[in-house]
């Protein structure tokens, strides 16, 4: 599972989400699609090293939000499509601190079915307009598993940004990390390149991933 809620996604999608909004009756809609060379979650490929298409839609009412995120998958099962349904609440404490809490449910179209869900929370510190520091934690109450990480985002200017992440997944029993950068071509299109690694000797590093993102 990979929702657009990490520093990487935030730095990548922020200009796109502004461009891809529409309001109706107090609801603001955000929508778009990512094309990735590999679907990586917590340092592990969910598409067996192959490309994936990942459409998403989110609605916001005040500080509350709900949405869906989807991707094709190759997990060695009968499943070939993942649909994530999520909702939550986000707000700013002051000019430098903000938080986001929510719940996500992960659904598959094959044998995995209604697989699992996670309670997700993150706290972000923004010491300047260029830097974001985020602590992220997700807990799967059904399987009693944690996934947590620290994230860093740095915006060089309005078009170029960089990101880094280091975390631990109890699902895989390993530490994982990524580094990368993004370039916003316009308010509607951006590109991102990241390198994903783990300390799992069996899985190894997932390696380089390229992403092209569009908003409408």
C-alpha atoms as a PDB file:
ATOM      1  CA  UNK A   1       0.000   0.000   0.000  1.00  0.00           C
ATOM      2  CA  UNK A   2       1.231   3.507  -0.765  1.00  0.00           C
ATOM      3  CA  UNK A   3      -1.016   6.477  -0.116  1.00  0.00           C
ATOM      4  CA  UNK A   4       0.008   9.954  -1.222  1.00  0.00           C
ATOM      5  CA  UNK A   5       0.706  11.109   2.323  1.00  0.00           C
ATOM      6  CA  UNK A   6       4.476  10.919   2.737  1.00  0.00           C
ATOM      7  CA  UNK A   7       6.895  13.801   2.429  1.00  0.00           C
ATOM      8  CA  UNK A   8       7.890  12.388  -0.928  1.00  0.00           C
ATOM      9  CA  UNK A   9       4.344  12.468  -2.201  1.00  0.00           C
ATOM     10  CA  UNK A  10       3.628  15.813  -0.576  1.00  0.00           C
ATOM     11  CA  UNK A  11       6.617  17.472  -2.212  1.00  0.00           C
ATOM     12  CA  UNK A  12       5.767  15.756  -5.477  1.00  0.00           C
ATOM     13  CA  UNK A  13       2.019  16.391  -5.564  1.00  0.00           C
ATOM     14  CA  UNK A  14       1.658  19.760  -3.853  1.00  0.00           C
ATOM     15  CA  UNK A  15       1.737  21.819  -7.068  1.00  0.00           C
ATOM     16  CA  UNK A  16      -0.447  19.212  -8.765  1.00  0.00           C
ATOM     17  CA  UNK A  17      -3.095  19.158  -6.062  1.00  0.00           C
ATOM     18  CA  UNK A  18      -3.566  22.898  -6.403  1.00  0.00           C
ATOM     19  CA  UNK A  19      -4.031  22.521 -10.126  1.00  0.00           C
ATOM     20  CA  UNK A  20      -6.301  19.516  -9.895  1.00  0.00           C
ATOM     21  CA  UNK A  21      -8.992  20.821  -7.582  1.00  0.00           C
ATOM     22  CA  UNK A  22     -12.663  21.521  -8.018  1.00  0.00           C
ATOM     23  CA  UNK A  23     -15.153  22.732  -5.415  1.00  0.00           C
ATOM     24  CA  UNK A  24     -18.836  21.939  -5.126  1.00  0.00           C
ATOM     25  CA  UNK A  25     -21.160  22.502  -2.176  1.00  0.00           C
ATOM     26  CA  UNK A  26     -18.302  22.934   0.297  1.00  0.00           C
ATOM     27  CA  UNK A  27     -16.357  19.901  -0.967  1.00  0.00           C
ATOM     28  CA  UNK A  28     -12.938  20.371  -2.568  1.00  0.00           C
ATOM     29  CA  UNK A  29     -11.816  17.576  -4.882  1.00  0.00           C
ATOM     30  CA  UNK A  30      -8.232  16.580  -5.637  1.00  0.00           C
ATOM     31  CA  UNK A  31      -7.497  14.035  -8.339  1.00  0.00           C
ATOM     32  CA  UNK A  32      -4.687  12.769 -10.517  1.00  0.00           C
ATOM     33  CA  UNK A  33      -2.677   9.791 -11.719  1.00  0.00           C
ATOM     34  CA  UNK A  34       0.918   8.609 -11.301  1.00  0.00           C
ATOM     35  CA  UNK A  35       2.852   6.402 -13.695  1.00  0.00           C
ATOM     36  CA  UNK A  36       5.679   4.582 -11.875  1.00  0.00           C
ATOM     37  CA  UNK A  37       8.406   2.270 -13.122  1.00  0.00           C
ATOM     38  CA  UNK A  38       7.939   0.097 -10.003  1.00  0.00           C
ATOM     39  CA  UNK A  39       5.362   0.167  -7.174  1.00  0.00           C
ATOM     40  CA  UNK A  40       7.451   0.266  -3.989  1.00  0.00           C
ATOM     41  CA  UNK A  41       6.011   0.260  -0.464  1.00  0.00           C
ATOM     42  CA  UNK A  42       8.313   0.323   2.583  1.00  0.00           C
ATOM     43  CA  UNK A  43      11.259  -0.645   0.391  1.00  0.00           C
ATOM     44  CA  UNK A  44       9.523  -3.665  -1.163  1.00  0.00           C
ATOM     45  CA  UNK A  45       8.153  -3.998  -4.692  1.00  0.00           C
ATOM     46  CA  UNK A  46       4.434  -4.685  -4.967  1.00  0.00           C
ATOM     47  CA  UNK A  47       4.516  -4.979  -8.754  1.00  0.00           C
ATOM     48  CA  UNK A  48       7.387  -7.478  -9.092  1.00  0.00           C
ATOM     49  CA  UNK A  49       9.676  -4.806 -10.506  1.00  0.00           C
ATOM     50  CA  UNK A  50       7.217  -3.809 -13.241  1.00  0.00           C
ATOM     51  CA  UNK A  51       5.538  -0.509 -14.062  1.00  0.00           C
ATOM     52  CA  UNK A  52       2.259   0.537 -12.441  1.00  0.00           C
ATOM     53  CA  UNK A  53      -0.485   3.088 -13.015  1.00  0.00           C
ATOM     54  CA  UNK A  54      -1.838   4.713  -9.851  1.00  0.00           C
ATOM     55  CA  UNK A  55      -4.956   6.908 -10.088  1.00  0.00           C
ATOM     56  CA  UNK A  56      -6.287   8.675  -7.003  1.00  0.00           C
ATOM     57  CA  UNK A  57      -9.182  10.880  -5.925  1.00  0.00           C
ATOM     58  CA  UNK A  58      -9.570  12.796  -2.665  1.00  0.00           C
ATOM     59  CA  UNK A  59     -12.368  14.973  -1.271  1.00  0.00           C
ATOM     60  CA  UNK A  60     -11.863  17.550   1.467  1.00  0.00           C
ATOM     61  CA  UNK A  61     -14.547  19.086   3.692  1.00  0.00           C
ATOM     62  CA  UNK A  62     -12.970  21.589   6.039  1.00  0.00           C
ATOM     63  CA  UNK A  63     -10.140  19.718   7.750  1.00  0.00           C
ATOM     64  CA  UNK A  64     -11.703  16.296   7.094  1.00  0.00           C
ATOM     65  CA  UNK A  65     -10.858  14.265   3.998  1.00  0.00           C
ATOM     66  CA  UNK A  66     -11.621  10.940   2.360  1.00  0.00           C
ATOM     67  CA  UNK A  67     -10.468   9.312  -0.831  1.00  0.00           C
ATOM     68  CA  UNK A  68      -9.240   6.328  -2.764  1.00  0.00           C
ATOM     69  CA  UNK A  69      -5.863   5.359  -4.214  1.00  0.00           C
ATOM     70  CA  UNK A  70      -5.390   2.472  -6.674  1.00  0.00           C
ATOM     71  CA  UNK A  71      -2.617   0.530  -8.384  1.00  0.00           C
ATOM     72  CA  UNK A  72      -2.013  -2.617 -10.371  1.00  0.00           C
ATOM     73  CA  UNK A  73      -0.007  -5.169  -8.368  1.00  0.00           C
ATOM     74  CA  UNK A  74       1.940  -8.411  -8.814  1.00  0.00           C
ATOM     75  CA  UNK A  75       2.197 -10.093  -5.418  1.00  0.00           C
ATOM     76  CA  UNK A  76       2.503 -13.717  -6.476  1.00  0.00           C
ATOM     77  CA  UNK A  77      -1.213 -14.228  -5.766  1.00  0.00           C
ATOM     78  CA  UNK A  78      -4.359 -14.069  -7.883  1.00  0.00           C
ATOM     79  CA  UNK A  79      -4.597 -10.343  -7.145  1.00  0.00           C
ATOM     80  CA  UNK A  80      -3.681  -7.861  -9.847  1.00  0.00           C
ATOM     81  CA  UNK A  81      -5.357  -4.674  -8.547  1.00  0.00           C
ATOM     82  CA  UNK A  82      -5.231  -2.846  -5.216  1.00  0.00           C
ATOM     83  CA  UNK A  83      -7.767  -0.265  -4.032  1.00  0.00           C
ATOM     84  CA  UNK A  84      -7.111   1.741  -0.873  1.00  0.00           C
ATOM     85  CA  UNK A  85      -9.990   3.563   0.832  1.00  0.00           C
ATOM     86  CA  UNK A  86      -9.063   6.140   3.456  1.00  0.00           C
ATOM     87  CA  UNK A  87     -10.334   9.008   5.571  1.00  0.00           C
ATOM     88  CA  UNK A  88      -8.868  11.358   8.140  1.00  0.00           C
ATOM     89  CA  UNK A  89      -8.433  14.768   9.688  1.00  0.00           C
ATOM     90  CA  UNK A  90      -5.531  17.181   9.218  1.00  0.00           C
ATOM     91  CA  UNK A  91      -4.851  20.601  10.658  1.00  0.00           C
ATOM     92  CA  UNK A  92      -2.152  23.086  11.584  1.00  0.00           C
ATOM     93  CA  UNK A  93      -1.188  23.747  15.185  1.00  0.00           C
ATOM     94  CA  UNK A  94       0.659  26.929  14.235  1.00  0.00           C
ATOM     95  CA  UNK A  95       2.844  28.219  11.380  1.00  0.00           C
ATOM     96  CA  UNK A  96       5.439  25.474  11.939  1.00  0.00           C
ATOM     97  CA  UNK A  97       3.565  22.426  13.218  1.00  0.00           C
ATOM     98  CA  UNK A  98       0.823  20.382  11.553  1.00  0.00           C
ATOM     99  CA  UNK A  99      -0.651  16.919  11.988  1.00  0.00           C
ATOM    100  CA  UNK A 100      -2.660  14.307  10.095  1.00  0.00           C
ATOM    101  CA  UNK A 101      -4.524  11.314  11.564  1.00  0.00           C
ATOM    102  CA  UNK A 102      -6.623   8.811   9.659  1.00  0.00           C
ATOM    103  CA  UNK A 103      -7.458   5.251   8.712  1.00  0.00           C
ATOM    104  CA  UNK A 104      -6.795   3.341   5.476  1.00  0.00           C
ATOM    105  CA  UNK A 105      -8.279   0.036   4.302  1.00  0.00           C
ATOM    106  CA  UNK A 106      -6.487  -2.105   1.696  1.00  0.00           C
ATOM    107  CA  UNK A 107      -8.616  -4.089  -0.735  1.00  0.00           C
ATOM    108  CA  UNK A 108      -7.563  -6.501  -3.498  1.00  0.00           C
ATOM    109  CA  UNK A 109      -9.493  -8.112  -6.341  1.00  0.00           C
ATOM    110  CA  UNK A 110      -8.244 -11.676  -5.777  1.00  0.00           C
ATOM    111  CA  UNK A 111      -7.470 -14.040  -2.935  1.00  0.00           C
ATOM    112  CA  UNK A 112      -6.267 -11.316  -0.564  1.00  0.00           C
ATOM    113  CA  UNK A 113      -9.665  -9.602  -0.732  1.00  0.00           C
ATOM    114  CA  UNK A 114     -10.353  -7.244   2.193  1.00  0.00           C
ATOM    115  CA  UNK A 115      -6.803  -7.656   3.397  1.00  0.00           C
ATOM    116  CA  UNK A 116      -6.117  -5.288   6.280  1.00  0.00           C
ATOM    117  CA  UNK A 117      -6.235  -1.713   7.538  1.00  0.00           C
ATOM    118  CA  UNK A 118      -3.991   0.772   9.300  1.00  0.00           C
ATOM    119  CA  UNK A 119      -4.442   3.648  11.713  1.00  0.00           C
ATOM    120  CA  UNK A 120      -2.094   6.324  10.386  1.00  0.00           C
ATOM    121  CA  UNK A 121      -0.668   9.432  12.025  1.00  0.00           C
ATOM    122  CA  UNK A 122       1.972  11.955  11.150  1.00  0.00           C
ATOM    123  CA  UNK A 123       3.382  15.127  12.701  1.00  0.00           C
ATOM    124  CA  UNK A 124       5.200  17.659  10.541  1.00  0.00           C
ATOM    125  CA  UNK A 125       7.586  20.420  11.565  1.00  0.00           C
ATOM    126  CA  UNK A 126       8.246  23.145   8.998  1.00  0.00           C
ATOM    127  CA  UNK A 127      11.089  25.346  10.250  1.00  0.00           C
ATOM    128  CA  UNK A 128      11.193  27.277   6.973  1.00  0.00           C
ATOM    129  CA  UNK A 129       9.390  27.477   3.640  1.00  0.00           C
ATOM    130  CA  UNK A 130      12.034  25.140   2.214  1.00  0.00           C
ATOM    131  CA  UNK A 131      12.231  22.358   4.826  1.00  0.00           C
ATOM    132  CA  UNK A 132       9.744  19.795   6.168  1.00  0.00           C
ATOM    133  CA  UNK A 133      10.513  17.222   8.885  1.00  0.00           C
ATOM    134  CA  UNK A 134       7.866  14.539   9.428  1.00  0.00           C
ATOM    135  CA  UNK A 135       7.377  11.666  11.832  1.00  0.00           C
ATOM    136  CA  UNK A 136       5.045   8.978  10.466  1.00  0.00           C
ATOM    137  CA  UNK A 137       3.539   5.935  12.178  1.00  0.00           C
ATOM    138  CA  UNK A 138       0.995   3.341  11.014  1.00  0.00           C
ATOM    139  CA  UNK A 139      -0.492   0.530  13.092  1.00  0.00           C
ATOM    140  CA  UNK A 140      -2.312  -2.534  11.760  1.00  0.00           C
ATOM    141  CA  UNK A 141      -4.578  -3.597  14.676  1.00  0.00           C
ATOM    142  CA  UNK A 142      -5.608  -6.886  13.057  1.00  0.00           C
ATOM    143  CA  UNK A 143      -2.056  -8.172  12.697  1.00  0.00           C
ATOM    144  CA  UNK A 144      -0.569  -6.022  15.506  1.00  0.00           C
ATOM    145  CA  UNK A 145       2.161  -4.615  13.288  1.00  0.00           C
ATOM    146  CA  UNK A 146       3.812  -1.180  13.214  1.00  0.00           C
ATOM    147  CA  UNK A 147       5.388   0.770  10.386  1.00  0.00           C
ATOM    148  CA  UNK A 148       7.164   4.001  11.304  1.00  0.00           C
ATOM    149  CA  UNK A 149       9.611   6.354   9.670  1.00  0.00           C
ATOM    150  CA  UNK A 150      11.226   9.795   9.656  1.00  0.00           C
ATOM    151  CA  UNK A 151      10.994  11.917   6.531  1.00  0.00           C
ATOM    152  CA  UNK A 152      12.825  14.988   5.271  1.00  0.00           C
ATOM    153  CA  UNK A 153      11.807  17.230   2.392  1.00  0.00           C
ATOM    154  CA  UNK A 154      13.761  20.177   0.989  1.00  0.00           C
ATOM    155  CA  UNK A 155      12.508  22.544  -1.719  1.00  0.00           C
ATOM    156  CA  UNK A 156      15.349  24.180  -3.606  1.00  0.00           C
ATOM    157  CA  UNK A 157      12.882  26.390  -5.458  1.00  0.00           C
ATOM    158  CA  UNK A 158       9.341  26.252  -6.877  1.00  0.00           C
ATOM    159  CA  UNK A 159      10.297  23.490  -9.318  1.00  0.00           C
ATOM    160  CA  UNK A 160      13.036  21.373  -7.719  1.00  0.00           C
ATOM    161  CA  UNK A 161      12.741  19.493  -4.423  1.00  0.00           C
ATOM    162  CA  UNK A 162      14.589  16.674  -2.668  1.00  0.00           C
ATOM    163  CA  UNK A 163      13.431  14.002  -0.222  1.00  0.00           C
ATOM    164  CA  UNK A 164      14.791  11.432   2.178  1.00  0.00           C
ATOM    165  CA  UNK A 165      13.199   8.787   4.373  1.00  0.00           C
ATOM    166  CA  UNK A 166      14.269   6.146   6.884  1.00  0.00           C
ATOM    167  CA  UNK A 167      11.878   3.724   8.580  1.00  0.00           C
ATOM    168  CA  UNK A 168      11.132   0.296   9.977  1.00  0.00           C
ATOM    169  CA  UNK A 169       8.414  -2.157   8.932  1.00  0.00           C
ATOM    170  CA  UNK A 170       7.386  -4.959  11.282  1.00  0.00           C
ATOM    171  CA  UNK A 171       5.513  -6.598   8.397  1.00  0.00           C
ATOM    172  CA  UNK A 172       8.802  -7.326   6.664  1.00  0.00           C
ATOM    173  CA  UNK A 173      11.004  -7.125   9.755  1.00  0.00           C
ATOM    174  CA  UNK A 174      13.444  -4.708   8.175  1.00  0.00           C
ATOM    175  CA  UNK A 175      14.606  -1.111   7.991  1.00  0.00           C
ATOM    176  CA  UNK A 176      14.019   0.741   4.729  1.00  0.00           C
ATOM    177  CA  UNK A 177      15.054   4.050   3.228  1.00  0.00           C
ATOM    178  CA  UNK A 178      14.840   6.219   0.135  1.00  0.00           C
ATOM    179  CA  UNK A 179      16.463   9.300  -1.346  1.00  0.00           C
ATOM    180  CA  UNK A 180      15.387  11.225  -4.399  1.00  0.00           C
ATOM    181  CA  UNK A 181      14.255  14.394  -6.066  1.00  0.00           C
ATOM    182  CA  UNK A 182      11.357  15.894  -7.986  1.00  0.00           C
ATOM    183  CA  UNK A 183      10.903  18.428 -10.765  1.00  0.00           C
ATOM    184  CA  UNK A 184       7.616  20.229 -11.463  1.00  0.00           C
ATOM    185  CA  UNK A 185       7.334  20.933 -15.190  1.00  0.00           C
ATOM    186  CA  UNK A 186       4.060  22.846 -14.812  1.00  0.00           C
ATOM    187  CA  UNK A 187       1.204  23.077 -12.330  1.00  0.00           C
ATOM    188  CA  UNK A 188      -0.170  19.952 -14.017  1.00  0.00           C
ATOM    189  CA  UNK A 189       2.838  17.665 -14.454  1.00  0.00           C
ATOM    190  CA  UNK A 190       5.902  16.617 -12.451  1.00  0.00           C
ATOM    191  CA  UNK A 191       8.606  13.949 -12.452  1.00  0.00           C
ATOM    192  CA  UNK A 192      10.283  12.168  -9.556  1.00  0.00           C
ATOM    193  CA  UNK A 193      13.275   9.822  -9.252  1.00  0.00           C
ATOM    194  CA  UNK A 194      14.028   7.896  -6.050  1.00  0.00           C
ATOM    195  CA  UNK A 195      16.331   5.124  -4.894  1.00  0.00           C
ATOM    196  CA  UNK A 196      14.814   2.588  -2.456  1.00  0.00           C
ATOM    197  CA  UNK A 197      16.902   0.406  -0.154  1.00  0.00           C
ATOM    198  CA  UNK A 198      16.498  -1.997   2.768  1.00  0.00           C
ATOM    199  CA  UNK A 199      18.716  -3.870   5.234  1.00  0.00           C
ATOM    200  CA  UNK A 200      17.032  -7.158   4.255  1.00  0.00           C
ATOM    201  CA  UNK A 201      19.713  -9.361   2.672  1.00  0.00           C
ATOM    202  CA  UNK A 202      17.106 -11.598   1.027  1.00  0.00           C
ATOM    203  CA  UNK A 203      15.012  -8.843  -0.568  1.00  0.00           C
ATOM    204  CA  UNK A 204      17.902  -6.493  -1.262  1.00  0.00           C
ATOM    205  CA  UNK A 205      17.413  -2.964  -2.561  1.00  0.00           C
ATOM    206  CA  UNK A 206      14.439  -2.267  -4.824  1.00  0.00           C
ATOM    207  CA  UNK A 207      16.635   0.303  -6.566  1.00  0.00           C
ATOM    208  CA  UNK A 208      15.708   3.235  -8.765  1.00  0.00           C
ATOM    209  CA  UNK A 209      12.112   4.228  -9.428  1.00  0.00           C
ATOM    210  CA  UNK A 210      10.933   6.887 -11.876  1.00  0.00           C
ATOM    211  CA  UNK A 211       7.528   8.542 -11.560  1.00  0.00           C
ATOM    212  CA  UNK A 212       5.580  10.890 -13.813  1.00  0.00           C
ATOM    213  CA  UNK A 213       2.553  12.511 -12.207  1.00  0.00           C
ATOM    214  CA  UNK A 214      -0.404  14.423 -13.652  1.00  0.00           C
ATOM    215  CA  UNK A 215      -3.350  16.276 -12.093  1.00  0.00           C
ATOM    216  CA  UNK A 216      -6.570  17.299 -13.760  1.00  0.00           C
END
